[in-house]
């Protein structure tokens, strides 16, 4: 983790010093006063309900080496800080403070950074990359959902000093955010997994989503430059309809090489002969741009996982990970939970737990998996509403999801939520699902009450929805 003397903070971040021992060394950064340890740097974030500035005294008394506030400290607070030899700084924007501090630390570490963004598949790609690269390098990787303007710099600042590769997930909910993340992280390599419809309610169109995701190149050097021993590259899906747009409008002007991954002859890294086994795990042939080829099996479910594995394999191969190592890692992959995890319910039914989040594209992939896995009982899809699709596109995209569900012919479709869940249900009926096979329930508690004791041992149940629906509680109840 970062260790920085108080006297350097002003120069790195522009924060204003008020008091403190200039030679005291800050070790690690926290934004929760309860997480302060001896010599921590505490950054206060004002909020609607909780104002971090109010906890500055608690942080000082807990042993912080420095507190960074967004309002001028009182004389009493300065006195307490002096008593504890704690520095006090103020800044206008604590998010920018973190980004600048993390940028400075990343520059001193001189490690290789890989940035991962996209509408779906970010976490699976990030986890797969970390698993592959950690077989050879000291890897530091984004944990949980620390992929935003606060979480990503905290991830960098917590990295061990001897880190060789950082794999950083970059999320956004508007223009300019990934640009700020990229300029902070300065990635050498980047992956844009897919341009989907997540955040379309905020950005208005898939073209705007593509523009926002392409901001990941803002902090990347051109491929012609030798950047800490590497030449930059951007990994894209060769079959995504916005890939040519990103190449022509962003990658080429920035002078950044593109690596295409997919299932065609035009892709630099490709998967062929994809077959999904009875356990839901895909087997396929993988071919690299240098002609290397082998057959492999992923230990994670669904054909949609293949392209995410290709992104990771493309960079792992370039960074010197041997073919047999890639194959071994693929065969024992474990990714962040609730992403198409096949679990057993108490009654014996198999539950496809994909409750972490949802978008129309990932809904379709999950329904594909439900249809392909062997099942002697009923195939049941429990689908929650999807967020961030907007008032204009939301109803239409939920209708398309309902229609797609009907095309996959589950025995039972349970739509969970309000108006958009109703759109899903009505579209499924319109496309031919029997009325008694489509059920509309208002919330997760109702779904639990109506289904948890109605499942049989031979059933196969898909559970998927956006996080705000809380379908993870359904999974925990039946399992």
Protein backbone atom coordinates (compact mmCIF):
# COMPACT_ATOMS: atom_id res chain seq x y z
CA UNK A 1 0.00 0.00 0.00
CA UNK A 2 1.01 3.60 -0.40
CA UNK A 3 3.44 5.13 2.08
CA UNK A 4 3.89 8.86 1.67
CA UNK A 5 5.30 11.56 3.94
CA UNK A 6 2.95 14.40 4.84
CA UNK A 7 5.29 16.94 3.25
CA UNK A 8 4.68 15.48 -0.22
CA UNK A 9 0.88 15.51 -0.14
CA UNK A 10 0.46 19.13 -1.20
CA UNK A 11 2.70 18.73 -4.23
CA UNK A 12 1.01 15.52 -5.39
CA UNK A 13 -2.62 16.48 -4.79
CA UNK A 14 -2.81 20.24 -4.40
CA UNK A 15 -4.51 19.89 -1.01
CA UNK A 16 -4.02 22.76 1.48
CA UNK A 17 -2.04 21.98 4.66
CA UNK A 18 -3.22 23.41 8.01
CA UNK A 19 -1.02 21.68 10.54
CA UNK A 20 1.02 18.54 11.08
CA UNK A 21 4.40 16.87 11.26
CA UNK A 22 5.78 17.13 7.73
CA UNK A 23 7.97 14.06 8.18
CA UNK A 24 5.29 11.71 9.49
CA UNK A 25 4.58 8.94 7.00
CA UNK A 26 1.02 8.05 6.01
CA UNK A 27 0.47 4.34 5.42
CA UNK A 28 -2.65 3.38 3.50
CA UNK A 29 -5.78 5.39 2.69
CA UNK A 30 -9.28 4.95 4.11
CA UNK A 31 -12.57 6.81 3.69
CA UNK A 32 -14.29 5.28 6.72
CA UNK A 33 -13.12 6.50 10.12
CA UNK A 34 -13.89 3.05 11.55
CA UNK A 35 -11.19 1.57 9.29
CA UNK A 36 -8.45 3.92 10.53
CA UNK A 37 -5.32 2.23 11.81
CA UNK A 38 -2.07 3.69 13.10
CA UNK A 39 -0.68 6.10 10.47
CA UNK A 40 -3.68 5.87 8.11
CA UNK A 41 -4.57 8.73 5.80
CA UNK A 42 -8.27 9.45 6.28
CA UNK A 43 -10.16 11.22 3.48
CA UNK A 44 -13.53 12.69 4.47
CA UNK A 45 -16.39 12.52 1.97
CA UNK A 46 -19.46 14.66 2.61
CA UNK A 47 -22.73 12.86 1.98
CA UNK A 48 -26.46 13.43 2.12
CA UNK A 49 -26.89 11.43 5.31
CA UNK A 50 -23.36 11.05 6.68
CA UNK A 51 -20.64 13.70 6.50
CA UNK A 52 -17.15 12.27 6.83
CA UNK A 53 -15.88 15.61 8.11
CA UNK A 54 -17.83 14.97 11.31
CA UNK A 55 -15.62 11.94 11.99
CA UNK A 56 -12.26 13.68 11.66
CA UNK A 57 -11.74 13.75 15.43
CA UNK A 58 -12.48 10.03 15.69
CA UNK A 59 -9.95 9.35 12.92
CA UNK A 60 -7.30 11.48 14.66
CA UNK A 61 -7.84 9.75 17.97
CA UNK A 62 -7.68 6.35 16.26
CA UNK A 63 -4.11 7.10 15.12
CA UNK A 64 -4.44 8.68 11.69
CA UNK A 65 -1.30 10.36 10.40
CA UNK A 66 -3.35 12.76 8.32
CA UNK A 67 -6.97 13.74 7.79
CA UNK A 68 -8.16 15.41 4.60
CA UNK A 69 -11.34 17.48 4.95
CA UNK A 70 -13.63 19.37 2.61
CA UNK A 71 -14.28 22.23 5.08
CA UNK A 72 -11.97 24.37 7.17
CA UNK A 73 -11.03 22.71 10.46
CA UNK A 74 -12.03 24.31 13.74
CA UNK A 75 -9.42 25.55 16.18
CA UNK A 76 -10.43 22.73 18.50
CA UNK A 77 -9.82 20.12 15.81
CA UNK A 78 -6.41 21.60 15.02
CA UNK A 79 -5.52 21.50 18.71
CA UNK A 80 -6.53 17.82 18.92
CA UNK A 81 -4.58 17.07 15.74
CA UNK A 82 -1.48 18.76 17.14
CA UNK A 83 -1.82 16.75 20.34
CA UNK A 84 -1.78 13.55 18.27
CA UNK A 85 0.83 14.76 15.73
CA UNK A 86 -1.77 14.32 12.99
CA UNK A 87 -1.66 16.48 9.88
CA UNK A 88 -4.78 18.26 8.67
CA UNK A 89 -5.40 19.14 5.02
CA UNK A 90 -8.39 20.46 3.11
CA UNK A 91 -9.38 19.93 -0.50
CA UNK A 92 -12.30 20.99 -2.66
CA UNK A 93 -12.94 17.58 -4.21
CA UNK A 94 -12.02 14.43 -2.25
CA UNK A 95 -12.59 12.25 -5.35
CA UNK A 96 -10.01 14.25 -7.29
CA UNK A 97 -7.68 14.08 -4.27
CA UNK A 98 -7.85 10.27 -4.37
CA UNK A 99 -7.36 10.14 -8.13
CA UNK A 100 -4.27 12.38 -8.02
CA UNK A 101 -2.79 10.51 -5.08
CA UNK A 102 -3.39 7.16 -6.80
CA UNK A 103 -1.94 8.46 -10.07
CA UNK A 104 1.23 9.49 -8.30
CA UNK A 105 1.54 6.12 -6.55
CA UNK A 106 0.88 4.20 -9.75
CA UNK A 107 3.63 6.19 -11.52
CA UNK A 108 6.15 5.39 -8.78
CA UNK A 109 5.28 1.68 -8.84
CA UNK A 110 6.11 1.37 -12.55
CA UNK A 111 4.01 -1.76 -12.88
CA UNK A 112 1.93 -2.86 -15.86
CA UNK A 113 -1.74 -1.86 -15.67
CA UNK A 114 -4.60 -3.54 -17.51
CA UNK A 115 -7.91 -1.69 -17.57
CA UNK A 116 -11.16 -3.58 -18.16
CA UNK A 117 -14.48 -1.98 -19.04
CA UNK A 118 -17.60 -2.82 -21.04
CA UNK A 119 -21.35 -3.18 -20.66
CA UNK A 120 -21.24 -6.82 -19.55
CA UNK A 121 -18.49 -9.34 -18.77
CA UNK A 122 -16.13 -6.91 -16.99
CA UNK A 123 -15.83 -8.87 -13.77
CA UNK A 124 -15.52 -12.28 -15.43
CA UNK A 125 -12.79 -10.93 -17.72
CA UNK A 126 -11.01 -9.24 -14.81
CA UNK A 127 -11.13 -12.38 -12.66
CA UNK A 128 -9.90 -14.57 -15.53
CA UNK A 129 -7.03 -12.20 -16.29
CA UNK A 130 -5.97 -12.16 -12.65
CA UNK A 131 -6.07 -15.95 -12.44
CA UNK A 132 -3.93 -16.34 -15.57
CA UNK A 133 -1.37 -13.65 -14.82
CA UNK A 134 -0.89 -14.58 -11.18
CA UNK A 135 0.72 -17.83 -12.31
CA UNK A 136 3.77 -15.77 -13.28
CA UNK A 137 3.46 -12.26 -11.85
CA UNK A 138 2.62 -10.53 -8.58
CA UNK A 139 -0.90 -9.33 -9.42
CA UNK A 140 -3.14 -6.82 -7.67
CA UNK A 141 -6.76 -6.82 -8.80
CA UNK A 142 -10.01 -4.94 -8.21
CA UNK A 143 -12.04 -6.52 -5.42
CA UNK A 144 -15.82 -6.50 -5.35
CA UNK A 145 -17.37 -3.45 -6.99
CA UNK A 146 -14.43 -1.09 -6.38
CA UNK A 147 -14.54 0.04 -10.01
CA UNK A 148 -15.73 3.65 -9.76
CA UNK A 149 -14.08 7.04 -9.21
CA UNK A 150 -13.60 6.26 -5.52
CA UNK A 151 -13.12 2.50 -5.57
CA UNK A 152 -10.52 2.30 -8.33
CA UNK A 153 -8.05 4.77 -6.79
CA UNK A 154 -8.48 3.02 -3.44
CA UNK A 155 -7.62 -0.23 -5.21
CA UNK A 156 -4.42 1.31 -6.59
CA UNK A 157 -3.50 2.84 -3.24
CA UNK A 158 -3.88 -0.53 -1.51
CA UNK A 159 -1.55 -2.32 -3.95
CA UNK A 160 1.67 -3.78 -2.49
CA UNK A 161 4.75 -1.84 -3.54
CA UNK A 162 6.17 -4.86 -5.39
CA UNK A 163 3.08 -5.37 -7.57
CA UNK A 164 4.05 -6.27 -11.14
CA UNK A 165 0.63 -6.18 -12.80
CA UNK A 166 -2.57 -4.42 -11.75
CA UNK A 167 -5.88 -5.52 -13.28
CA UNK A 168 -8.39 -2.74 -12.78
CA UNK A 169 -12.09 -2.86 -13.56
CA UNK A 170 -13.47 0.51 -14.68
CA UNK A 171 -17.18 1.26 -14.45
CA UNK A 172 -19.15 4.41 -15.20
CA UNK A 173 -22.58 5.98 -15.26
CA UNK A 174 -21.81 9.00 -17.42
CA UNK A 175 -19.37 10.68 -19.78
CA UNK A 176 -15.92 11.61 -18.52
CA UNK A 177 -15.70 9.11 -15.69
CA UNK A 178 -13.70 6.40 -17.47
CA UNK A 179 -11.44 9.13 -18.87
CA UNK A 180 -10.64 10.23 -15.31
CA UNK A 181 -10.04 6.61 -14.27
CA UNK A 182 -7.79 5.98 -17.25
CA UNK A 183 -5.69 9.10 -16.71
CA UNK A 184 -5.24 8.01 -13.11
CA UNK A 185 -4.36 4.37 -13.87
CA UNK A 186 -2.41 4.94 -17.12
CA UNK A 187 -3.11 1.45 -18.48
CA UNK A 188 -0.76 -0.16 -20.95
CA UNK A 189 -3.41 -2.65 -22.01
CA UNK A 190 -7.18 -2.31 -22.02
CA UNK A 191 -10.22 -4.45 -22.74
CA UNK A 192 -13.65 -3.24 -23.83
CA UNK A 193 -15.79 -6.35 -23.47
CA UNK A 194 -19.02 -5.32 -25.20
CA UNK A 195 -21.10 -2.29 -26.06
CA UNK A 196 -24.52 -3.20 -24.71
CA UNK A 197 -27.53 -1.38 -23.34
CA UNK A 198 -26.53 -0.98 -19.70
CA UNK A 199 -26.69 2.74 -18.85
CA UNK A 200 -28.62 3.55 -22.00
CA UNK A 201 -31.09 5.39 -19.79
CA UNK A 202 -28.27 7.69 -18.70
CA UNK A 203 -26.37 8.07 -21.97
CA UNK A 204 -29.20 7.87 -24.47
CA UNK A 205 -27.78 5.53 -27.11
CA UNK A 206 -25.36 2.67 -27.67
CA UNK A 207 -23.14 5.04 -29.67
CA UNK A 208 -22.82 7.24 -26.60
CA UNK A 209 -22.06 4.17 -24.51
CA UNK A 210 -19.31 3.26 -26.99
CA UNK A 211 -17.88 6.77 -26.73
CA UNK A 212 -17.90 6.58 -22.93
CA UNK A 213 -16.22 3.15 -22.89
CA UNK A 214 -13.61 4.29 -25.43
CA UNK A 215 -12.45 6.85 -22.87
CA UNK A 216 -10.37 4.02 -21.43
CA UNK A 217 -7.74 4.95 -24.03
CA UNK A 218 -7.36 8.48 -22.62
CA UNK A 219 -4.50 7.49 -20.32
CA UNK A 220 -2.86 4.94 -22.63
CA UNK A 221 0.35 5.67 -24.53
CA UNK A 222 0.44 5.03 -28.29
CA UNK A 223 1.66 1.57 -29.28
CA UNK A 224 4.74 3.08 -30.92
CA UNK A 225 6.07 4.10 -27.51
CA UNK A 226 7.94 1.70 -25.25
CA UNK A 227 6.04 2.21 -22.01
CA UNK A 228 7.87 0.53 -19.13
CA UNK A 229 8.92 -2.33 -21.39
CA UNK A 230 5.56 -2.82 -23.13
CA UNK A 231 3.69 -1.56 -26.16
CA UNK A 232 0.04 -0.71 -25.62
CA UNK A 233 -2.89 -2.66 -27.07
CA UNK A 234 -6.67 -2.55 -26.88
CA UNK A 235 -8.65 -5.81 -26.88
CA UNK A 236 -12.08 -5.71 -28.54
CA UNK A 237 -14.85 -8.10 -29.52
CA UNK A 238 -14.48 -8.74 -33.24
CA UNK A 239 -18.21 -9.37 -33.60
CA UNK A 240 -19.50 -6.35 -31.69
CA UNK A 241 -21.22 -3.97 -34.11
CA UNK A 242 -19.55 -0.96 -32.46
CA UNK A 243 -15.99 -2.30 -32.75
CA UNK A 244 -15.36 -0.59 -36.15
CA UNK A 245 -16.68 2.67 -34.67
CA UNK A 246 -14.25 2.44 -31.72
CA UNK A 247 -11.32 1.54 -33.98
CA UNK A 248 -11.87 4.31 -36.53
CA UNK A 249 -12.80 7.10 -34.12
CA UNK A 250 -10.61 6.35 -31.11
CA UNK A 251 -7.97 3.60 -31.43
CA UNK A 252 -6.50 4.70 -34.77
CA UNK A 253 -6.31 8.41 -33.88
CA UNK A 254 -4.63 7.46 -30.58
CA UNK A 255 -2.17 5.16 -32.37
CA UNK A 256 -3.20 2.16 -30.28
CA UNK A 257 -2.99 -1.40 -31.65
CA UNK A 258 -6.22 -3.42 -31.56
CA UNK A 259 -6.50 -7.14 -30.83
CA UNK A 260 -9.78 -8.68 -31.99
CA UNK A 261 -11.30 -11.65 -30.18
CA UNK A 262 -14.22 -13.72 -31.42
CA UNK A 263 -15.24 -16.75 -33.46
CA UNK A 264 -14.33 -15.80 -37.05
CA UNK A 265 -11.30 -15.98 -39.35
CA UNK A 266 -10.91 -12.21 -39.05
CA UNK A 267 -10.24 -12.34 -35.30
CA UNK A 268 -6.69 -12.30 -33.96
CA UNK A 269 -7.63 -14.65 -31.11
CA UNK A 270 -10.52 -16.95 -31.89
CA UNK A 271 -12.60 -19.77 -30.47
CA UNK A 272 -13.95 -22.51 -32.70
CA UNK A 273 -15.99 -25.68 -32.27
CA UNK A 274 -17.69 -24.41 -29.11
CA UNK A 275 -19.71 -27.07 -27.31
CA UNK A 276 -21.50 -26.68 -23.98
CA UNK A 277 -21.37 -29.83 -21.87
CA UNK A 278 -24.07 -31.21 -19.62
CA UNK A 279 -22.51 -29.27 -16.73
CA UNK A 280 -22.95 -26.03 -18.67
CA UNK A 281 -19.20 -25.55 -19.15
CA UNK A 282 -17.94 -24.82 -22.69
CA UNK A 283 -15.24 -26.75 -24.53
CA UNK A 284 -13.61 -25.11 -27.54
CA UNK A 285 -10.50 -24.73 -29.70
CA UNK A 286 -8.55 -21.52 -29.15
CA UNK A 287 -6.21 -20.04 -31.77
CA UNK A 288 -3.82 -17.11 -31.21
CA UNK A 289 -2.57 -14.54 -33.70
CA UNK A 290 0.81 -16.28 -33.92
CA UNK A 291 -0.86 -19.56 -34.96
CA UNK A 292 -0.65 -21.31 -31.58
CA UNK A 293 -3.71 -23.49 -31.02
CA UNK A 294 -5.11 -25.93 -28.43
CA UNK A 295 -8.39 -27.33 -27.13
CA UNK A 296 -9.52 -26.16 -23.71
CA UNK A 297 -12.44 -26.26 -21.27
CA UNK A 298 -13.75 -23.47 -19.07
CA UNK A 299 -14.81 -24.31 -15.54
CA UNK A 300 -17.42 -21.54 -15.67
CA UNK A 301 -20.79 -21.95 -17.30
CA UNK A 302 -22.29 -20.65 -20.51
CA UNK A 303 -21.14 -20.10 -24.08
CA UNK A 304 -21.11 -16.35 -23.34
CA UNK A 305 -18.12 -16.96 -21.06
CA UNK A 306 -15.94 -17.99 -24.01
CA UNK A 307 -15.34 -14.50 -25.42
CA UNK A 308 -14.49 -13.17 -21.94
CA UNK A 309 -11.93 -15.97 -21.66
CA UNK A 310 -10.52 -15.00 -25.06
CA UNK A 311 -9.92 -11.41 -23.94
CA UNK A 312 -7.97 -12.67 -20.94
CA UNK A 313 -6.09 -15.31 -22.93
CA UNK A 314 -5.08 -12.77 -25.59
CA UNK A 315 -3.27 -10.59 -23.05
CA UNK A 316 -1.94 -13.53 -21.03
CA UNK A 317 -0.41 -15.00 -24.20
CA UNK A 318 1.16 -11.65 -25.05
CA UNK A 319 2.57 -11.39 -21.52
CA UNK A 320 4.26 -14.77 -21.75
CA UNK A 321 1.82 -17.17 -20.10
CA UNK A 322 2.33 -20.62 -21.63
CA UNK A 323 -0.47 -22.45 -23.45
CA UNK A 324 -0.57 -25.33 -21.01
CA UNK A 325 -0.87 -22.87 -18.12
CA UNK A 326 -3.80 -21.10 -19.80
CA UNK A 327 -5.48 -24.46 -20.29
CA UNK A 328 -4.90 -25.48 -16.66
CA UNK A 329 -6.21 -22.19 -15.30
CA UNK A 330 -9.29 -22.30 -17.53
CA UNK A 331 -10.07 -25.74 -16.16
CA UNK A 332 -10.22 -24.59 -12.54
CA UNK A 333 -11.49 -21.01 -12.83
CA UNK A 334 -13.40 -19.48 -9.97
CA UNK A 335 -14.94 -16.07 -10.54
CA UNK A 336 -16.73 -13.53 -8.37
CA UNK A 337 -19.97 -15.12 -7.17
CA UNK A 338 -23.55 -15.00 -8.45
CA UNK A 339 -22.56 -15.06 -12.09
CA UNK A 340 -24.15 -18.19 -13.56
CA UNK A 341 -23.12 -20.26 -10.54
CA UNK A 342 -24.90 -23.62 -10.64
CA UNK A 343 -25.98 -24.48 -7.09
CA UNK A 344 -28.17 -27.10 -5.44
CA UNK A 345 -31.38 -26.12 -3.71
CA UNK A 346 -32.36 -27.83 -0.48
CA UNK A 347 -34.97 -29.79 -2.42
CA UNK A 348 -32.35 -30.96 -4.93
CA UNK A 349 -33.23 -28.62 -7.81
CA UNK A 350 -30.36 -27.01 -9.68
CA UNK A 351 -30.26 -23.22 -9.36
CA UNK A 352 -28.42 -21.09 -11.93
CA UNK A 353 -27.54 -18.19 -9.64
CA UNK A 354 -26.99 -15.22 -11.94
CA UNK A 355 -28.48 -12.75 -9.50
CA UNK A 356 -25.52 -10.36 -9.30
CA UNK A 357 -26.86 -8.03 -11.98
CA UNK A 358 -28.64 -7.98 -15.32
CA UNK A 359 -28.81 -6.30 -18.72
CA UNK A 360 -30.75 -7.40 -21.80
CA UNK A 361 -27.69 -9.03 -23.36
CA UNK A 362 -26.77 -10.99 -20.24
CA UNK A 363 -30.43 -11.96 -19.75
CA UNK A 364 -30.38 -13.53 -23.22
CA UNK A 365 -27.16 -15.40 -22.49
CA UNK A 366 -28.57 -16.72 -19.22
CA UNK A 367 -31.76 -17.88 -20.94
CA UNK A 368 -29.61 -19.65 -23.54
CA UNK A 369 -27.88 -21.51 -20.74
CA UNK A 370 -31.20 -22.45 -19.12
CA UNK A 371 -32.37 -23.89 -22.44
CA UNK A 372 -29.17 -25.86 -23.11
CA UNK A 373 -28.57 -27.56 -19.77
CA UNK A 374 -30.14 -31.02 -19.39
CA UNK A 375 -33.26 -31.09 -17.26
CA UNK A 376 -35.72 -33.85 -16.39
CA UNK A 377 -38.13 -31.56 -14.54
CA UNK A 378 -39.35 -28.05 -15.26
CA UNK A 379 -37.19 -25.28 -16.62
CA UNK A 380 -38.08 -22.19 -14.60
CA UNK A 381 -36.87 -18.64 -15.31
CA UNK A 382 -37.13 -16.18 -12.42
CA UNK A 383 -36.32 -12.82 -14.00
CA UNK A 384 -36.18 -9.51 -12.18
CA UNK A 385 -36.40 -6.04 -13.63
CA UNK A 386 -33.32 -4.42 -15.15
CA UNK A 387 -32.14 -0.99 -14.04
CA UNK A 388 -30.54 1.99 -15.79
CA UNK A 389 -32.37 1.45 -19.08
CA UNK A 390 -34.33 4.70 -18.90
CA UNK A 391 -37.99 5.59 -19.21
CA UNK A 392 -37.87 5.52 -23.01
CA UNK A 393 -35.88 2.34 -23.68
CA UNK A 394 -36.72 0.44 -20.49
CA UNK A 395 -40.20 -0.81 -21.45
CA UNK A 396 -39.09 -1.82 -24.95
CA UNK A 397 -36.01 -3.69 -23.73
CA UNK A 398 -38.04 -5.51 -21.08
CA UNK A 399 -40.55 -6.49 -23.77
CA UNK A 400 -37.71 -7.84 -25.93
CA UNK A 401 -36.42 -9.81 -22.96
CA UNK A 402 -39.86 -11.30 -22.36
CA UNK A 403 -40.16 -12.21 -26.04
CA UNK A 404 -36.72 -13.82 -25.99
CA UNK A 405 -37.66 -15.78 -22.89
CA UNK A 406 -40.76 -17.10 -24.66
CA UNK A 407 -38.62 -18.20 -27.62
CA UNK A 408 -36.51 -20.31 -25.25
CA UNK A 409 -39.69 -22.10 -24.08
CA UNK A 410 -39.20 -22.39 -20.31
CA UNK A 411 -41.98 -24.28 -18.53
CA UNK A 412 -42.47 -21.39 -16.13
CA UNK A 413 -41.52 -17.72 -16.38
CA UNK A 414 -41.67 -15.64 -13.20
CA UNK A 415 -41.29 -11.88 -13.72
CA UNK A 416 -40.37 -10.02 -10.54
CA UNK A 417 -41.00 -6.31 -10.05
CA UNK A 418 -43.30 -3.52 -11.12
CA UNK A 419 -44.21 -1.99 -14.47
CA UNK A 420 -41.20 -3.30 -16.39
CA UNK A 421 -41.75 -6.81 -15.06
CA UNK A 422 -45.31 -6.52 -16.40
CA UNK A 423 -43.87 -5.59 -19.82
CA UNK A 424 -41.75 -8.77 -19.74
CA UNK A 425 -44.70 -10.93 -18.80
CA UNK A 426 -47.06 -9.45 -21.40
CA UNK A 427 -44.48 -9.85 -24.19
CA UNK A 428 -43.89 -13.49 -23.24
CA UNK A 429 -47.64 -14.18 -23.43
CA UNK A 430 -47.90 -12.31 -26.73
CA UNK A 431 -45.16 -14.54 -28.16
CA UNK A 432 -47.03 -17.70 -27.27
CA UNK A 433 -46.32 -18.65 -23.67
CA UNK A 434 -49.49 -19.99 -21.97
CA UNK A 435 -51.09 -17.62 -19.47
CA UNK A 436 -50.69 -20.09 -16.62
CA UNK A 437 -46.97 -20.48 -17.37
CA UNK A 438 -46.25 -16.76 -16.92
CA UNK A 439 -46.40 -15.35 -13.41
CA UNK A 440 -46.01 -11.74 -12.37
CA UNK A 441 -44.99 -11.07 -8.77
CA UNK A 442 -44.29 -7.65 -7.22
CA UNK A 443 -41.12 -8.42 -5.29
CA UNK A 444 -38.59 -11.02 -4.17
CA UNK A 445 -40.46 -11.80 -0.96
CA UNK A 446 -43.52 -12.80 -2.96
CA UNK A 447 -41.40 -14.91 -5.29
CA UNK A 448 -39.95 -16.70 -2.28
CA UNK A 449 -43.40 -17.28 -0.79
CA UNK A 450 -44.85 -18.70 -4.00
CA UNK A 451 -41.90 -20.73 -5.30
CA UNK A 452 -39.58 -21.79 -2.50
CA UNK A 453 -41.72 -24.80 -1.53
CA UNK A 454 -42.98 -25.56 -5.04
CA UNK A 455 -39.69 -26.69 -6.59
CA UNK A 456 -38.91 -30.35 -7.20
CA UNK A 457 -35.59 -32.17 -7.27
CA UNK A 458 -35.54 -32.44 -11.08
CA UNK A 459 -36.17 -28.75 -11.78
CA UNK A 460 -33.67 -26.31 -13.28
CA UNK A 461 -34.15 -22.70 -12.15
CA UNK A 462 -32.53 -19.57 -13.57
CA UNK A 463 -32.46 -16.61 -11.17
CA UNK A 464 -31.41 -13.30 -12.70
CA UNK A 465 -32.18 -9.61 -12.25
CA UNK A 466 -30.61 -6.29 -11.41
CA UNK A 467 -29.22 -5.94 -7.91
CA UNK A 468 -31.97 -3.64 -6.68
CA UNK A 469 -34.50 -6.48 -7.11
CA UNK A 470 -32.63 -8.53 -4.50
CA UNK A 471 -33.02 -11.95 -6.10
CA UNK A 472 -29.91 -13.15 -4.30
CA UNK A 473 -32.24 -13.51 -1.29
CA UNK A 474 -34.38 -15.91 -3.32
CA UNK A 475 -31.31 -18.06 -4.00
CA UNK A 476 -30.27 -18.10 -0.36
CA UNK A 477 -33.79 -19.01 0.71
CA UNK A 478 -34.08 -22.05 -1.59
CA UNK A 479 -30.48 -23.17 -1.14
